[in-house]
Amino acid sequence: MKKSLSILALSVLPALALAAGNHTGGHDSPAHGMPGHDMSTMSNASSPAGQPGDPAKVSRTIELTMDDTMRFTPGEIQVNAGETIRFFIKNAGKVPHEMVIGSMADMKAHAAEMRKAPGMKHAEPNMITLDPGKMGGLVWQFDQTGTVDFACLLPGHMEAGMVGKVKVS
C-alpha cells in the first residue's frame, strides 16, 4: 500500500508542478522578446477588449472566484459599454491562478509562450496573478460593445477550461 501511494504521488507531482506555474521571471525575460509577443496589444487603449480603468470612476464591483477546478465563478459577466468595473478576485484554490483580460487570440499566443517559459512575471494592467488563498483587484473600462474574454494563462489552466467572457452591451 505504501509503495503504491509513493508511485501515485510521484506520478501526480509533475502534473501539479505544471498546473501551478511559476511567475518568477519577468516580461523583460528572453521569452518576451519572441516574435509575435507584445503584451501591449492586450492592454492597449485602442483595443476592443477595453482599457485600464480609473479607480475613481468605478461604476460597480464584481466579485470573481478562481479555483482548482480550473473555473472562474461567475464564468460570464454582463456589463454596459463605457462601464468601469472593479473586479474583486479571490483565489480559492491551492495553486496560483490569474485573470487576464484580452482577446482570445492574444491570450492563446501568450499562453503558448508561457508553456515555453513558465517563469514569466506579469505586471500589466489587464492581468492579476494570485497565490492560493489571496485576494486582489483589477480595474478595467469596457468601452466597446461585444464580447471580451478573460482566462488564466498559467500553463495548462486555459487549456483545462479556465476561461470566461464579459458581454458588453
Protein backbone atom coordinates (compact mmCIF):
# COMPACT_ATOMS: atom_id res chain seq x y z
CA MET A 1 0.00 0.00 0.00
CA LYS A 2 2.77 2.43 0.96
CA LYS A 3 4.64 1.69 -2.27
CA SER A 4 1.54 2.31 -4.43
CA LEU A 5 0.92 5.66 -2.68
CA SER A 6 4.52 6.67 -3.34
CA ILE A 7 4.20 5.77 -7.02
CA LEU A 8 0.91 7.69 -7.22
CA ALA A 9 2.47 10.74 -5.56
CA LEU A 10 5.45 10.68 -7.94
CA SER A 11 3.16 10.41 -10.96
CA VAL A 12 0.97 13.34 -9.85
CA LEU A 13 3.71 15.79 -8.79
CA PRO A 14 4.89 16.70 -12.31
CA ALA A 15 1.30 17.47 -13.36
CA LEU A 16 0.77 19.62 -10.26
CA ALA A 17 4.00 21.47 -10.90
CA LEU A 18 2.93 22.17 -14.48
CA ALA A 19 -0.56 23.28 -13.44
CA ALA A 20 0.76 25.52 -10.68
CA GLY A 21 3.05 27.52 -12.91
CA ASN A 22 5.58 29.95 -11.54
CA HIS A 23 5.83 33.58 -12.48
CA THR A 24 9.30 34.26 -11.14
CA GLY A 25 10.73 35.63 -14.37
CA GLY A 26 9.73 38.90 -15.94
CA HIS A 27 8.28 40.39 -19.08
CA ASP A 28 11.79 41.52 -19.82
CA SER A 29 13.00 37.92 -19.83
CA PRO A 30 14.11 36.37 -23.14
CA ALA A 31 10.73 34.75 -23.83
CA HIS A 32 9.19 38.17 -24.08
CA GLY A 33 11.40 39.08 -26.99
CA MET A 34 9.93 36.24 -29.02
CA PRO A 35 8.45 37.14 -32.40
CA GLY A 36 4.75 37.87 -32.21
CA HIS A 37 4.75 38.59 -28.48
CA ASP A 38 3.62 42.01 -27.47
CA MET A 39 1.69 42.23 -24.22
CA SER A 40 0.87 45.86 -25.03
CA THR A 41 -1.69 44.62 -27.55
CA MET A 42 -3.55 43.06 -24.64
CA SER A 43 -3.77 46.32 -22.65
CA ASN A 44 -3.67 48.93 -25.42
CA ALA A 45 -6.20 51.76 -25.05
CA SER A 46 -7.48 51.20 -28.61
CA SER A 47 -8.15 47.51 -28.00
CA PRO A 48 -11.68 46.10 -28.41
CA ALA A 49 -11.03 44.49 -25.00
CA GLY A 50 -11.13 47.92 -23.37
CA GLN A 51 -8.52 49.78 -21.37
CA PRO A 52 -7.22 50.16 -17.83
CA GLY A 53 -9.89 51.86 -15.74
CA ASP A 54 -9.62 54.85 -13.44
CA PRO A 55 -10.31 53.62 -9.86
CA ALA A 56 -12.04 56.96 -9.13
CA LYS A 57 -14.57 56.24 -11.90
CA VAL A 58 -15.60 52.67 -10.97
CA SER A 59 -19.25 52.04 -11.92
CA ARG A 60 -19.54 48.85 -9.85
CA THR A 61 -17.61 45.99 -8.30
CA ILE A 62 -17.90 42.40 -9.47
CA GLU A 63 -16.66 39.58 -7.26
CA LEU A 64 -14.91 36.75 -9.07
CA THR A 65 -13.52 33.48 -7.68
CA MET A 66 -10.82 31.31 -9.24
CA ASP A 67 -10.34 27.73 -8.07
CA ASP A 68 -8.59 24.45 -8.75
CA THR A 69 -11.48 23.08 -10.81
CA MET A 70 -9.95 25.44 -13.42
CA ARG A 71 -13.03 27.65 -13.45
CA PHE A 72 -13.95 31.26 -12.80
CA THR A 73 -17.15 31.97 -10.90
CA PRO A 74 -19.01 33.64 -12.47
CA GLY A 75 -17.80 32.49 -15.87
CA GLU A 76 -19.90 35.04 -17.74
CA ILE A 77 -20.35 38.68 -16.80
CA GLN A 78 -22.67 41.33 -18.25
CA VAL A 79 -21.55 44.99 -18.39
CA ASN A 80 -22.59 48.10 -20.28
CA ALA A 81 -20.29 49.85 -22.76
CA GLY A 82 -18.46 52.65 -21.00
CA GLU A 83 -18.63 50.99 -17.58
CA THR A 84 -15.53 50.88 -15.43
CA ILE A 85 -15.54 47.67 -13.40
CA ARG A 86 -13.54 46.83 -10.30
CA PHE A 87 -13.03 43.08 -10.22
CA PHE A 88 -12.56 41.81 -6.68
CA ILE A 89 -10.84 38.48 -7.31
CA LYS A 90 -10.21 35.63 -4.88
CA ASN A 91 -8.05 32.57 -5.48
CA ALA A 92 -9.93 29.89 -3.56
CA GLY A 93 -7.55 27.19 -4.85
CA LYS A 94 -4.37 25.59 -3.61
CA VAL A 95 -2.26 26.62 -6.63
CA PRO A 96 -1.65 30.06 -8.18
CA HIS A 97 -4.19 31.36 -10.68
CA GLU A 98 -4.52 34.53 -12.71
CA MET A 99 -7.09 36.57 -14.53
CA VAL A 100 -6.06 38.11 -17.85
CA ILE A 101 -8.44 40.28 -19.88
CA GLY A 102 -7.94 40.42 -23.65
CA SER A 103 -8.73 38.89 -27.00
CA MET A 104 -8.68 35.10 -27.16
CA ALA A 105 -6.11 35.25 -29.98
CA ASP A 106 -3.69 37.32 -27.86
CA MET A 107 -4.25 35.13 -24.81
CA LYS A 108 -3.67 31.90 -26.74
CA ALA A 109 -0.41 33.31 -28.13
CA HIS A 110 0.73 34.38 -24.67
CA ALA A 111 -0.31 31.06 -23.10
CA ALA A 112 1.84 29.26 -25.69
CA GLU A 113 4.80 31.43 -24.70
CA MET A 114 4.19 30.74 -21.03
CA ARG A 115 4.33 27.00 -21.68
CA LYS A 116 7.81 27.57 -23.13
CA ALA A 117 8.89 29.94 -20.33
CA PRO A 118 6.69 29.33 -17.28
CA GLY A 119 8.82 31.67 -15.17
CA MET A 120 7.23 34.83 -16.61
CA LYS A 121 6.01 37.52 -14.23
CA HIS A 122 3.11 39.78 -15.17
CA ALA A 123 2.93 43.47 -14.41
CA GLU A 124 0.29 44.56 -16.92
CA PRO A 125 -2.90 46.49 -16.09
CA ASN A 126 -5.14 43.83 -17.69
CA MET A 127 -3.93 40.95 -15.51
CA ILE A 128 -3.50 39.82 -11.94
CA THR A 129 -1.80 36.71 -10.57
CA LEU A 130 -2.83 35.49 -7.12
CA ASP A 131 -1.25 32.89 -4.88
CA PRO A 132 -3.53 30.38 -3.13
CA GLY A 133 -5.94 31.99 -0.68
CA LYS A 134 -5.07 35.54 -1.78
CA MET A 135 -7.38 38.31 -2.99
CA GLY A 136 -6.75 41.24 -5.28
CA GLY A 137 -8.34 43.75 -7.55
CA LEU A 138 -8.30 44.81 -11.18
CA VAL A 139 -10.00 47.91 -12.63
CA TRP A 140 -10.97 47.80 -16.29
CA GLN A 141 -13.07 50.00 -18.56
CA PHE A 142 -15.13 48.26 -21.21
CA ASP A 143 -15.58 50.90 -23.88
CA GLN A 144 -16.95 48.92 -26.85
CA THR A 145 -19.88 46.57 -27.27
CA GLY A 146 -19.11 42.94 -27.96
CA THR A 147 -17.55 40.05 -26.08
CA VAL A 148 -14.30 40.33 -24.17
CA ASP A 149 -12.51 37.21 -22.98
CA PHE A 150 -10.62 36.51 -19.78
CA ALA A 151 -8.55 33.49 -18.86
CA CYS A 152 -5.87 32.06 -16.61
CA LEU A 153 -2.72 31.77 -18.71
CA LEU A 154 -0.68 29.68 -16.29
CA PRO A 155 0.48 26.58 -18.17
CA GLY A 156 -2.36 24.10 -18.56
CA HIS A 157 -5.05 26.23 -16.93
CA MET A 158 -6.66 27.83 -20.01
CA GLU A 159 -6.41 24.50 -21.82
CA ALA A 160 -8.29 22.90 -18.91
CA GLY A 161 -11.16 25.36 -19.41
CA MET A 162 -10.20 28.26 -17.13
CA VAL A 163 -11.79 30.91 -19.35
CA GLY A 164 -14.65 33.38 -19.08
CA LYS A 165 -16.49 36.06 -21.05
CA VAL A 166 -17.57 39.62 -20.45
CA LYS A 167 -20.57 40.52 -22.60
CA VAL A 168 -20.56 44.26 -23.23
CA SER A 169 -23.87 45.75 -24.41
